Amino acid sequence: MRAKVILTHHHGVSLQGNRAHPLGELSGQLITHMLTSKRGMYMVATLRDPNDHVGPALIELFDVQLYLIGPQSMQLRGFERISIGHQSQYVLQGWVVVMN
């Protein structure tokens, strides 16, 4: 589904009040899928450019859970992967998803 995504955290820290995420609002195609790892299976939400089906995802949310739902929007929570040097770290992230 086409959606606009507003990120609620930056590097694991909640953006409260009027603070905006450096990426701003992102628009694209919201897709969910299951990912299998050594620790089991978990849900991943991916926002992709609707005009580029083979390119990398704009953003991904790992171990995603539906937190709130309303008539025209929903809030998802999960973990964002950030790179620190040659290693990855997972931090808390939330998405407010508004359907287009």
PDB file of N, CA and C in Angstrom:
ATOM      1  N   MET A   1       0.832  -1.170   0.000  1.00  0.00           N
ATOM      2  CA  MET A   1       0.000   0.000   0.000  1.00  0.00           C
ATOM      3  C   MET A   1       0.885   1.244   0.000  1.00  0.00           C
ATOM      4  N   ARG A   2       0.409   2.269  -0.649  1.00  0.00           N
ATOM      5  CA  ARG A   2       1.129   3.540  -0.641  1.00  0.00           C
ATOM      6  C   ARG A   2       0.876   4.245   0.683  1.00  0.00           C
ATOM      7  N   ALA A   3       1.953   4.767   1.248  1.00  0.00           N
ATOM      8  CA  ALA A   3       1.833   5.369   2.575  1.00  0.00           C
ATOM      9  C   ALA A   3       2.867   6.465   2.770  1.00  0.00           C
ATOM     10  N   LYS A   4       2.567   7.320   3.734  1.00  0.00           N
ATOM     11  CA  LYS A   4       3.523   8.335   4.201  1.00  0.00           C
ATOM     12  C   LYS A   4       3.956   7.873   5.586  1.00  0.00           C
ATOM     13  N   VAL A   5       5.264   7.868   5.859  1.00  0.00           N
ATOM     14  CA  VAL A   5       5.799   7.396   7.136  1.00  0.00           C
ATOM     15  C   VAL A   5       6.506   8.545   7.846  1.00  0.00           C
ATOM     16  N   ILE A   6       6.163   8.714   9.115  1.00  0.00           N
ATOM     17  CA  ILE A   6       6.818   9.696   9.980  1.00  0.00           C
ATOM     18  C   ILE A   6       7.534   8.908  11.071  1.00  0.00           C
ATOM     19  N   LEU A   7       8.836   9.069  11.196  1.00  0.00           N
ATOM     20  CA  LEU A   7       9.632   8.339  12.179  1.00  0.00           C
ATOM     21  C   LEU A   7       9.500   9.002  13.549  1.00  0.00           C
ATOM     22  N   THR A   8       9.348   8.179  14.599  1.00  0.00           N
ATOM     23  CA  THR A   8       9.116   8.718  15.943  1.00  0.00           C
ATOM     24  C   THR A   8      10.356   8.703  16.835  1.00  0.00           C
ATOM     25  N   HIS A   9      11.440   8.073  16.379  1.00  0.00           N
ATOM     26  CA  HIS A   9      12.675   8.000  17.167  1.00  0.00           C
ATOM     27  C   HIS A   9      13.875   8.309  16.265  1.00  0.00           C
ATOM     28  N   HIS A  10      14.951   8.770  16.883  1.00  0.00           N
ATOM     29  CA  HIS A  10      16.213   8.987  16.169  1.00  0.00           C
ATOM     30  C   HIS A  10      17.315   8.339  16.995  1.00  0.00           C
ATOM     31  N   HIS A  11      17.943   7.297  16.442  1.00  0.00           N
ATOM     32  CA  HIS A  11      18.973   6.516  17.138  1.00  0.00           C
ATOM     33  C   HIS A  11      18.475   6.010  18.493  1.00  0.00           C
ATOM     34  N   GLY A  12      17.195   5.586  18.527  1.00  0.00           N
ATOM     35  CA  GLY A  12      16.626   5.010  19.738  1.00  0.00           C
ATOM     36  C   GLY A  12      16.043   5.999  20.724  1.00  0.00           C
ATOM     37  N   VAL A  13      16.164   7.291  20.464  1.00  0.00           N
ATOM     38  CA  VAL A  13      15.657   8.323  21.378  1.00  0.00           C
ATOM     39  C   VAL A  13      14.367   8.897  20.811  1.00  0.00           C
ATOM     40  N   SER A  14      13.335   8.965  21.651  1.00  0.00           N
ATOM     41  CA  SER A  14      12.025   9.465  21.238  1.00  0.00           C
ATOM     42  C   SER A  14      12.099  10.928  20.817  1.00  0.00           C
ATOM     43  N   LEU A  15      11.435  11.243  19.708  1.00  0.00           N
ATOM     44  CA  LEU A  15      11.341  12.628  19.234  1.00  0.00           C
ATOM     45  C   LEU A  15      10.025  13.199  19.743  1.00  0.00           C
ATOM     46  N   GLN A  16      10.068  13.909  20.847  1.00  0.00           N
ATOM     47  CA  GLN A  16       8.857  14.443  21.454  1.00  0.00           C
ATOM     48  C   GLN A  16       8.686  15.906  21.104  1.00  0.00           C
ATOM     49  N   GLY A  17       7.468  16.373  21.220  1.00  0.00           N
ATOM     50  CA  GLY A  17       7.189  17.784  20.956  1.00  0.00           C
ATOM     51  C   GLY A  17       7.289  18.105  19.484  1.00  0.00           C
ATOM     52  N   ASN A  18       7.964  19.184  19.161  1.00  0.00           N
ATOM     53  CA  ASN A  18       8.077  19.650  17.776  1.00  0.00           C
ATOM     54  C   ASN A  18       9.332  19.154  17.073  1.00  0.00           C
ATOM     55  N   ARG A  19      10.091  18.276  17.709  1.00  0.00           N
ATOM     56  CA  ARG A  19      11.321  17.784  17.086  1.00  0.00           C
ATOM     57  C   ARG A  19      10.980  16.861  15.922  1.00  0.00           C
ATOM     58  N   ALA A  20      11.644  17.057  14.815  1.00  0.00           N
ATOM     59  CA  ALA A  20      11.401  16.235  13.624  1.00  0.00           C
ATOM     60  C   ALA A  20      12.625  15.370  13.345  1.00  0.00           C
ATOM     61  N   HIS A  21      12.400  14.219  12.757  1.00  0.00           N
ATOM     62  CA  HIS A  21      13.492  13.327  12.375  1.00  0.00           C
ATOM     63  C   HIS A  21      14.262  13.964  11.219  1.00  0.00           C
ATOM     64  N   PRO A  22      15.587  13.800  11.157  1.00  0.00           N
ATOM     65  CA  PRO A  22      16.366  14.382  10.064  1.00  0.00           C
ATOM     66  C   PRO A  22      15.914  13.934   8.669  1.00  0.00           C
ATOM     67  N   LEU A  23      15.345  12.728   8.555  1.00  0.00           N
ATOM     68  CA  LEU A  23      14.867  12.263   7.245  1.00  0.00           C
ATOM     69  C   LEU A  23      13.531  12.887   6.858  1.00  0.00           C
ATOM     70  N   GLY A  24      12.835  13.491   7.818  1.00  0.00           N
ATOM     71  CA  GLY A  24      11.530  14.088   7.540  1.00  0.00           C
ATOM     72  C   GLY A  24      10.483  13.020   7.267  1.00  0.00           C
ATOM     73  N   GLU A  25       9.444  13.393   6.517  1.00  0.00           N
ATOM     74  CA  GLU A  25       8.400  12.446   6.142  1.00  0.00           C
ATOM     75  C   GLU A  25       8.841  11.695   4.892  1.00  0.00           C
ATOM     76  N   LEU A  26       8.622  10.395   4.869  1.00  0.00           N
ATOM     77  CA  LEU A  26       8.983   9.565   3.731  1.00  0.00           C
ATOM     78  C   LEU A  26       7.722   9.000   3.100  1.00  0.00           C
ATOM     79  N   SER A  27       7.686   8.950   1.790  1.00  0.00           N
ATOM     80  CA  SER A  27       6.546   8.375   1.077  1.00  0.00           C
ATOM     81  C   SER A  27       7.017   7.224   0.224  1.00  0.00           C
ATOM     82  N   GLY A  28       6.177   6.191   0.132  1.00  0.00           N
ATOM     83  CA  GLY A  28       6.538   5.055  -0.694  1.00  0.00           C
ATOM     84  C   GLY A  28       5.545   3.923  -0.577  1.00  0.00           C
ATOM     85  N   GLN A  29       5.988   2.741  -0.981  1.00  0.00           N
ATOM     86  CA  GLN A  29       5.187   1.526  -0.942  1.00  0.00           C
ATOM     87  C   GLN A  29       5.544   0.758   0.324  1.00  0.00           C
ATOM     88  N   LEU A  30       4.563   0.534   1.209  1.00  0.00           N
ATOM     89  CA  LEU A  30       4.783  -0.186   2.457  1.00  0.00           C
ATOM     90  C   LEU A  30       4.544  -1.672   2.219  1.00  0.00           C
ATOM     91  N   ILE A  31       5.553  -2.480   2.528  1.00  0.00           N
ATOM     92  CA  ILE A  31       5.504  -3.930   2.324  1.00  0.00           C
ATOM     93  C   ILE A  31       5.928  -4.599   3.620  1.00  0.00           C
ATOM     94  N   THR A  32       5.275  -5.700   3.991  1.00  0.00           N
ATOM     95  CA  THR A  32       5.715  -6.485   5.142  1.00  0.00           C
ATOM     96  C   THR A  32       6.058  -7.890   4.674  1.00  0.00           C
ATOM     97  N   HIS A  33       7.023  -8.508   5.338  1.00  0.00           N
ATOM     98  CA  HIS A  33       7.404  -9.877   5.018  1.00  0.00           C
ATOM     99  C   HIS A  33       8.043 -10.524   6.245  1.00  0.00           C
ATOM    100  N   MET A  34       8.139 -11.829   6.219  1.00  0.00           N
ATOM    101  CA  MET A  34       8.769 -12.578   7.304  1.00  0.00           C
ATOM    102  C   MET A  34      10.240 -12.806   6.950  1.00  0.00           C
ATOM    103  N   LEU A  35      11.105 -12.701   7.947  1.00  0.00           N
ATOM    104  CA  LEU A  35      12.536 -12.916   7.774  1.00  0.00           C
ATOM    105  C   LEU A  35      12.970 -14.016   8.729  1.00  0.00           C
ATOM    106  N   THR A  36      13.738 -14.960   8.217  1.00  0.00           N
ATOM    107  CA  THR A  36      14.228 -16.070   9.031  1.00  0.00           C
ATOM    108  C   THR A  36      15.692 -15.835   9.371  1.00  0.00           C
ATOM    109  N   SER A  37      16.019 -16.001  10.643  1.00  0.00           N
ATOM    110  CA  SER A  37      17.402 -15.873  11.092  1.00  0.00           C
ATOM    111  C   SER A  37      17.729 -17.065  11.978  1.00  0.00           C
ATOM    112  N   LYS A  38      18.932 -17.097  12.505  1.00  0.00           N
ATOM    113  CA  LYS A  38      19.333 -18.170  13.415  1.00  0.00           C
ATOM    114  C   LYS A  38      18.488 -18.181  14.680  1.00  0.00           C
ATOM    115  N   ARG A  39      17.909 -17.033  15.026  1.00  0.00           N
ATOM    116  CA  ARG A  39      17.114 -16.913  16.254  1.00  0.00           C
ATOM    117  C   ARG A  39      15.621 -17.101  16.022  1.00  0.00           C
ATOM    118  N   GLY A  40      15.216 -17.388  14.804  1.00  0.00           N
ATOM    119  CA  GLY A  40      13.809 -17.612  14.517  1.00  0.00           C
ATOM    120  C   GLY A  40      13.296 -16.726  13.393  1.00  0.00           C
ATOM    121  N   MET A  41      11.968 -16.612  13.312  1.00  0.00           N
ATOM    122  CA  MET A  41      11.332 -15.792  12.285  1.00  0.00           C
ATOM    123  C   MET A  41      10.751 -14.532  12.916  1.00  0.00           C
ATOM    124  N   TYR A  42      10.824 -13.433  12.171  1.00  0.00           N
ATOM    125  CA  TYR A  42      10.196 -12.210  12.645  1.00  0.00           C
ATOM    126  C   TYR A  42       9.733 -11.374  11.464  1.00  0.00           C
ATOM    127  N   MET A  43       8.790 -10.487  11.740  1.00  0.00           N
ATOM    128  CA  MET A  43       8.184  -9.635  10.728  1.00  0.00           C
ATOM    129  C   MET A  43       9.051  -8.406  10.472  1.00  0.00           C
ATOM    130  N   VAL A  44       9.140  -8.021   9.193  1.00  0.00           N
ATOM    131  CA  VAL A  44       9.886  -6.829   8.791  1.00  0.00           C
ATOM    132  C   VAL A  44       8.959  -5.953   7.947  1.00  0.00           C
ATOM    133  N   ALA A  45       8.904  -4.668   8.255  1.00  0.00           N
ATOM    134  CA  ALA A  45       8.178  -3.695   7.438  1.00  0.00           C
ATOM    135  C   ALA A  45       9.208  -2.916   6.638  1.00  0.00           C
ATOM    136  N   THR A  46       8.940  -2.749   5.357  1.00  0.00           N
ATOM    137  CA  THR A  46       9.867  -2.083   4.452  1.00  0.00           C
ATOM    138  C   THR A  46       9.139  -0.981   3.701  1.00  0.00           C
ATOM    139  N   LEU A  47       9.760   0.179   3.591  1.00  0.00           N
ATOM    140  CA  LEU A  47       9.221   1.259   2.770  1.00  0.00           C
ATOM    141  C   LEU A  47      10.113   1.365   1.542  1.00  0.00           C
ATOM    142  N   ARG A  48       9.513   1.192   0.372  1.00  0.00           N
ATOM    143  CA  ARG A  48      10.251   1.217  -0.894  1.00  0.00           C
ATOM    144  C   ARG A  48       9.762   2.354  -1.779  1.00  0.00           C
ATOM    145  N   ASP A  49      10.657   2.788  -2.641  1.00  0.00           N
ATOM    146  CA  ASP A  49      10.297   3.755  -3.674  1.00  0.00           C
ATOM    147  C   ASP A  49       9.346   3.054  -4.639  1.00  0.00           C
ATOM    148  N   PRO A  50       8.120   3.564  -4.844  1.00  0.00           N
ATOM    149  CA  PRO A  50       7.168   2.859  -5.707  1.00  0.00           C
ATOM    150  C   PRO A  50       7.593   2.797  -7.171  1.00  0.00           C
ATOM    151  N   ASN A  51       8.547   3.626  -7.571  1.00  0.00           N
ATOM    152  CA  ASN A  51       9.011   3.638  -8.959  1.00  0.00           C
ATOM    153  C   ASN A  51      10.298   2.854  -9.166  1.00  0.00           C
ATOM    154  N   ASP A  52      10.854   2.269  -8.103  1.00  0.00           N
ATOM    155  CA  ASP A  52      12.115   1.521  -8.198  1.00  0.00           C
ATOM    156  C   ASP A  52      11.951   0.202  -7.436  1.00  0.00           C
ATOM    157  N   HIS A  53      11.544  -0.850  -8.133  1.00  0.00           N
ATOM    158  CA  HIS A  53      11.238  -2.125  -7.487  1.00  0.00           C
ATOM    159  C   HIS A  53      12.470  -2.971  -7.187  1.00  0.00           C
ATOM    160  N   VAL A  54      13.617  -2.634  -7.740  1.00  0.00           N
ATOM    161  CA  VAL A  54      14.824  -3.431  -7.515  1.00  0.00           C
ATOM    162  C   VAL A  54      15.846  -2.727  -6.638  1.00  0.00           C
ATOM    163  N   GLY A  55      15.642  -1.469  -6.360  1.00  0.00           N
ATOM    164  CA  GLY A  55      16.587  -0.710  -5.545  1.00  0.00           C
ATOM    165  C   GLY A  55      16.457  -1.052  -4.070  1.00  0.00           C
ATOM    166  N   PRO A  56      17.368  -0.546  -3.265  1.00  0.00           N
ATOM    167  CA  PRO A  56      17.312  -0.814  -1.824  1.00  0.00           C
ATOM    168  C   PRO A  56      16.110  -0.117  -1.177  1.00  0.00           C
ATOM    169  N   ALA A  57      15.724  -0.630  -0.027  1.00  0.00           N
ATOM    170  CA  ALA A  57      14.601  -0.050   0.711  1.00  0.00           C
ATOM    171  C   ALA A  57      14.968   1.342   1.218  1.00  0.00           C
ATOM    172  N   LEU A  58      13.975   2.221   1.309  1.00  0.00           N
ATOM    173  CA  LEU A  58      14.203   3.543   1.892  1.00  0.00           C
ATOM    174  C   LEU A  58      14.492   3.396   3.386  1.00  0.00           C
ATOM    175  N   ILE A  59      13.667   2.605   4.082  1.00  0.00           N
ATOM    176  CA  ILE A  59      13.864   2.301   5.499  1.00  0.00           C
ATOM    177  C   ILE A  59      13.261   0.927   5.792  1.00  0.00           C
ATOM    178  N   GLU A  60      13.741   0.300   6.867  1.00  0.00           N
ATOM    179  CA  GLU A  60      13.210  -0.988   7.297  1.00  0.00           C
ATOM    180  C   GLU A  60      12.983  -0.963   8.805  1.00  0.00           C
ATOM    181  N   LEU A  61      11.969  -1.695   9.238  1.00  0.00           N
ATOM    182  CA  LEU A  61      11.639  -1.813  10.653  1.00  0.00           C
ATOM    183  C   LEU A  61      11.572  -3.303  10.975  1.00  0.00           C
ATOM    184  N   PHE A  62      12.443  -3.763  11.881  1.00  0.00           N
ATOM    185  CA  PHE A  62      12.567  -5.186  12.186  1.00  0.00           C
ATOM    186  C   PHE A  62      11.761  -5.551  13.427  1.00  0.00           C
ATOM    187  N   ASP A  63      11.270  -6.785  13.467  1.00  0.00           N
ATOM    188  CA  ASP A  63      10.449  -7.302  14.562  1.00  0.00           C
ATOM    189  C   ASP A  63       9.286  -6.351  14.821  1.00  0.00           C
ATOM    190  N   VAL A  64       8.615  -5.976  13.750  1.00  0.00           N
ATOM    191  CA  VAL A  64       7.579  -4.950  13.785  1.00  0.00           C
ATOM    192  C   VAL A  64       6.310  -5.469  14.471  1.00  0.00           C
ATOM    193  N   GLN A  65       5.674  -4.582  15.238  1.00  0.00           N
ATOM    194  CA  GLN A  65       4.419  -4.866  15.929  1.00  0.00           C
ATOM    195  C   GLN A  65       3.468  -3.692  15.700  1.00  0.00           C
ATOM    196  N   LEU A  66       2.196  -3.993  15.532  1.00  0.00           N
ATOM    197  CA  LEU A  66       1.180  -2.958  15.431  1.00  0.00           C
ATOM    198  C   LEU A  66       0.919  -2.421  16.831  1.00  0.00           C
ATOM    199  N   TYR A  67       1.132  -1.120  17.033  1.00  0.00           N
ATOM    200  CA  TYR A  67       0.989  -0.506  18.348  1.00  0.00           C
ATOM    201  C   TYR A  67      -0.366   0.184  18.502  1.00  0.00           C
ATOM    202  N   LEU A  68      -0.746   1.005  17.525  1.00  0.00           N
ATOM    203  CA  LEU A  68      -2.025   1.718  17.529  1.00  0.00           C
ATOM    204  C   LEU A  68      -2.603   1.699  16.119  1.00  0.00           C
ATOM    205  N   ILE A  69      -3.923   1.732  16.021  1.00  0.00           N
ATOM    206  CA  ILE A  69      -4.560   1.807  14.710  1.00  0.00           C
ATOM    207  C   ILE A  69      -5.742   2.760  14.785  1.00  0.00           C
ATOM    208  N   GLY A  70      -5.924   3.542  13.728  1.00  0.00           N
ATOM    209  CA  GLY A  70      -7.024   4.483  13.629  1.00  0.00           C
ATOM    210  C   GLY A  70      -7.648   4.388  12.247  1.00  0.00           C
ATOM    211  N   PRO A  71      -8.628   5.237  11.959  1.00  0.00           N
ATOM    212  CA  PRO A  71      -9.338   5.162  10.674  1.00  0.00           C
ATOM    213  C   PRO A  71      -8.440   5.393   9.453  1.00  0.00           C
ATOM    214  N   GLN A  72      -7.449   6.282   9.552  1.00  0.00           N
ATOM    215  CA  GLN A  72      -6.627   6.597   8.388  1.00  0.00           C
ATOM    216  C   GLN A  72      -5.133   6.443   8.650  1.00  0.00           C
ATOM    217  N   SER A  73      -4.774   5.961   9.836  1.00  0.00           N
ATOM    218  CA  SER A  73      -3.351   5.824  10.143  1.00  0.00           C
ATOM    219  C   SER A  73      -3.143   4.702  11.155  1.00  0.00           C
ATOM    220  N   MET A  74      -1.892   4.332  11.322  1.00  0.00           N
ATOM    221  CA  MET A  74      -1.524   3.338  12.332  1.00  0.00           C
ATOM    222  C   MET A  74      -0.116   3.644  12.811  1.00  0.00           C
ATOM    223  N   GLN A  75       0.224   3.112  13.983  1.00  0.00           N
ATOM    224  CA  GLN A  75       1.578   3.277  14.490  1.00  0.00           C
ATOM    225  C   GLN A  75       2.198   1.900  14.647  1.00  0.00           C
ATOM    226  N   LEU A  76       3.382   1.740  14.070  1.00  0.00           N
ATOM    227  CA  LEU A  76       4.143   0.504  14.166  1.00  0.00           C
ATOM    228  C   LEU A  76       5.346   0.740  15.056  1.00  0.00           C
ATOM    229  N   ARG A  77       5.750  -0.291  15.786  1.00  0.00           N
ATOM    230  CA  ARG A  77       6.971  -0.220  16.600  1.00  0.00           C
ATOM    231  C   ARG A  77       7.835  -1.418  16.297  1.00  0.00           C
ATOM    232  N   GLY A  78       9.130  -1.206  16.379  1.00  0.00           N
ATOM    233  CA  GLY A  78      10.084  -2.271  16.125  1.00  0.00           C
ATOM    234  C   GLY A  78      11.492  -1.761  16.335  1.00  0.00           C
ATOM    235  N   PHE A  79      12.416  -2.312  15.556  1.00  0.00           N
ATOM    236  CA  PHE A  79      13.817  -1.951  15.695  1.00  0.00           C
ATOM    237  C   PHE A  79      14.393  -1.532  14.360  1.00  0.00           C
ATOM    238  N   GLU A  80      15.202  -0.484  14.404  1.00  0.00           N
ATOM    239  CA  GLU A  80      15.892   0.043  13.234  1.00  0.00           C
ATOM    240  C   GLU A  80      17.344  -0.396  13.318  1.00  0.00           C
ATOM    241  N   ARG A  81      17.920  -0.780  12.178  1.00  0.00           N
ATOM    242  CA  ARG A  81      19.332  -1.166  12.154  1.00  0.00           C
ATOM    243  C   ARG A  81      20.162   0.062  11.784  1.00  0.00           C
ATOM    244  N   ILE A  82      21.126   0.388  12.637  1.00  0.00           N
ATOM    245  CA  ILE A  82      22.057   1.472  12.320  1.00  0.00           C
ATOM    246  C   ILE A  82      23.467   0.885  12.288  1.00  0.00           C
ATOM    247  N   SER A  83      24.282   1.418  11.410  1.00  0.00           N
ATOM    248  CA  SER A  83      25.658   0.938  11.268  1.00  0.00           C
ATOM    249  C   SER A  83      26.594   1.806  12.079  1.00  0.00           C
ATOM    250  N   ILE A  84      27.442   1.132  12.867  1.00  0.00           N
ATOM    251  CA  ILE A  84      28.475   1.809  13.644  1.00  0.00           C
ATOM    252  C   ILE A  84      29.785   1.128  13.271  1.00  0.00           C
ATOM    253  N   GLY A  85      30.556   1.810  12.459  1.00  0.00           N
ATOM    254  CA  GLY A  85      31.777   1.190  11.953  1.00  0.00           C
ATOM    255  C   GLY A  85      31.411   0.042  11.034  1.00  0.00           C
ATOM    256  N   HIS A  86      31.942  -1.141  11.326  1.00  0.00           N
ATOM    257  CA  HIS A  86      31.643  -2.325  10.530  1.00  0.00           C
ATOM    258  C   HIS A  86      30.603  -3.209  11.191  1.00  0.00           C
ATOM    259  N   GLN A  87      29.955  -2.713  12.238  1.00  0.00           N
ATOM    260  CA  GLN A  87      28.966  -3.502  12.961  1.00  0.00           C
ATOM    261  C   GLN A  87      27.596  -2.843  12.875  1.00  0.00           C
ATOM    262  N   SER A  88      26.558  -3.660  13.054  1.00  0.00           N
ATOM    263  CA  SER A  88      25.189  -3.160  13.088  1.00  0.00           C
ATOM    264  C   SER A  88      24.672  -3.191  14.509  1.00  0.00           C
ATOM    265  N   GLN A  89      23.860  -2.212  14.833  1.00  0.00           N
ATOM    266  CA  GLN A  89      23.214  -2.154  16.129  1.00  0.00           C
ATOM    267  C   GLN A  89      21.730  -1.902  15.884  1.00  0.00           C
ATOM    268  N   TYR A  90      20.875  -2.534  16.679  1.00  0.00           N
ATOM    269  CA  TYR A  90      19.434  -2.358  16.548  1.00  0.00           C
ATOM    270  C   TYR A  90      18.933  -1.477  17.682  1.00  0.00           C
ATOM    271  N   VAL A  91      18.183  -0.438  17.316  1.00  0.00           N
ATOM    272  CA  VAL A  91      17.645   0.503  18.303  1.00  0.00           C
ATOM    273  C   VAL A  91      16.136   0.643  18.089  1.00  0.00           C
ATOM    274  N   LEU A  92      15.440   1.070  19.122  1.00  0.00           N
ATOM    275  CA  LEU A  92      13.993   1.236  19.072  1.00  0.00           C
ATOM    276  C   LEU A  92      13.609   2.262  18.008  1.00  0.00           C
ATOM    277  N   GLN A  93      12.530   1.962  17.278  1.00  0.00           N
ATOM    278  CA  GLN A  93      12.035   2.886  16.263  1.00  0.00           C
ATOM    279  C   GLN A  93      10.520   2.730  16.178  1.00  0.00           C
ATOM    280  N   GLY A  94       9.841   3.789  15.859  1.00  0.00           N
ATOM    281  CA  GLY A  94       8.404   3.766  15.638  1.00  0.00           C
ATOM    282  C   GLY A  94       8.073   4.487  14.353  1.00  0.00           C
ATOM    283  N   TRP A  95       7.031   4.035  13.703  1.00  0.00           N
ATOM    284  CA  TRP A  95       6.547   4.688  12.480  1.00  0.00           C
ATOM    285  C   TRP A  95       5.089   5.066  12.669  1.00  0.00           C
ATOM    286  N   VAL A  96       4.740   6.298  12.346  1.00  0.00           N
ATOM    287  CA  VAL A  96       3.352   6.682  12.189  1.00  0.00           C
ATOM    288  C   VAL A  96       3.092   6.586  10.688  1.00  0.00           C
ATOM    289  N   VAL A  97       2.180   5.701  10.313  1.00  0.00           N
ATOM    290  CA  VAL A  97       1.912   5.401   8.907  1.00  0.00           C
ATOM    291  C   VAL A  97       0.545   5.993   8.542  1.00  0.00           C
ATOM    292  N   VAL A  98       0.541   6.876   7.554  1.00  0.00           N
ATOM    293  CA  VAL A  98      -0.685   7.482   7.056  1.00  0.00           C
ATOM    294  C   VAL A  98      -0.914   6.954   5.651  1.00  0.00           C
ATOM    295  N   MET A  99      -2.064   6.299   5.442  1.00  0.00           N
ATOM    296  CA  MET A  99      -2.348   5.728   4.138  1.00  0.00           C
ATOM    297  C   MET A  99      -2.703   6.819   3.121  1.00  0.00           C
ATOM    298  N   ASN A 100      -2.156   6.675   1.931  1.00  0.00           N
ATOM    299  CA  ASN A 100      -2.447   7.638   0.844  1.00  0.00           C
ATOM    300  C   ASN A 100      -3.634   7.159   0.040  1.00  0.00           C
TER     301      ASN A 100
END
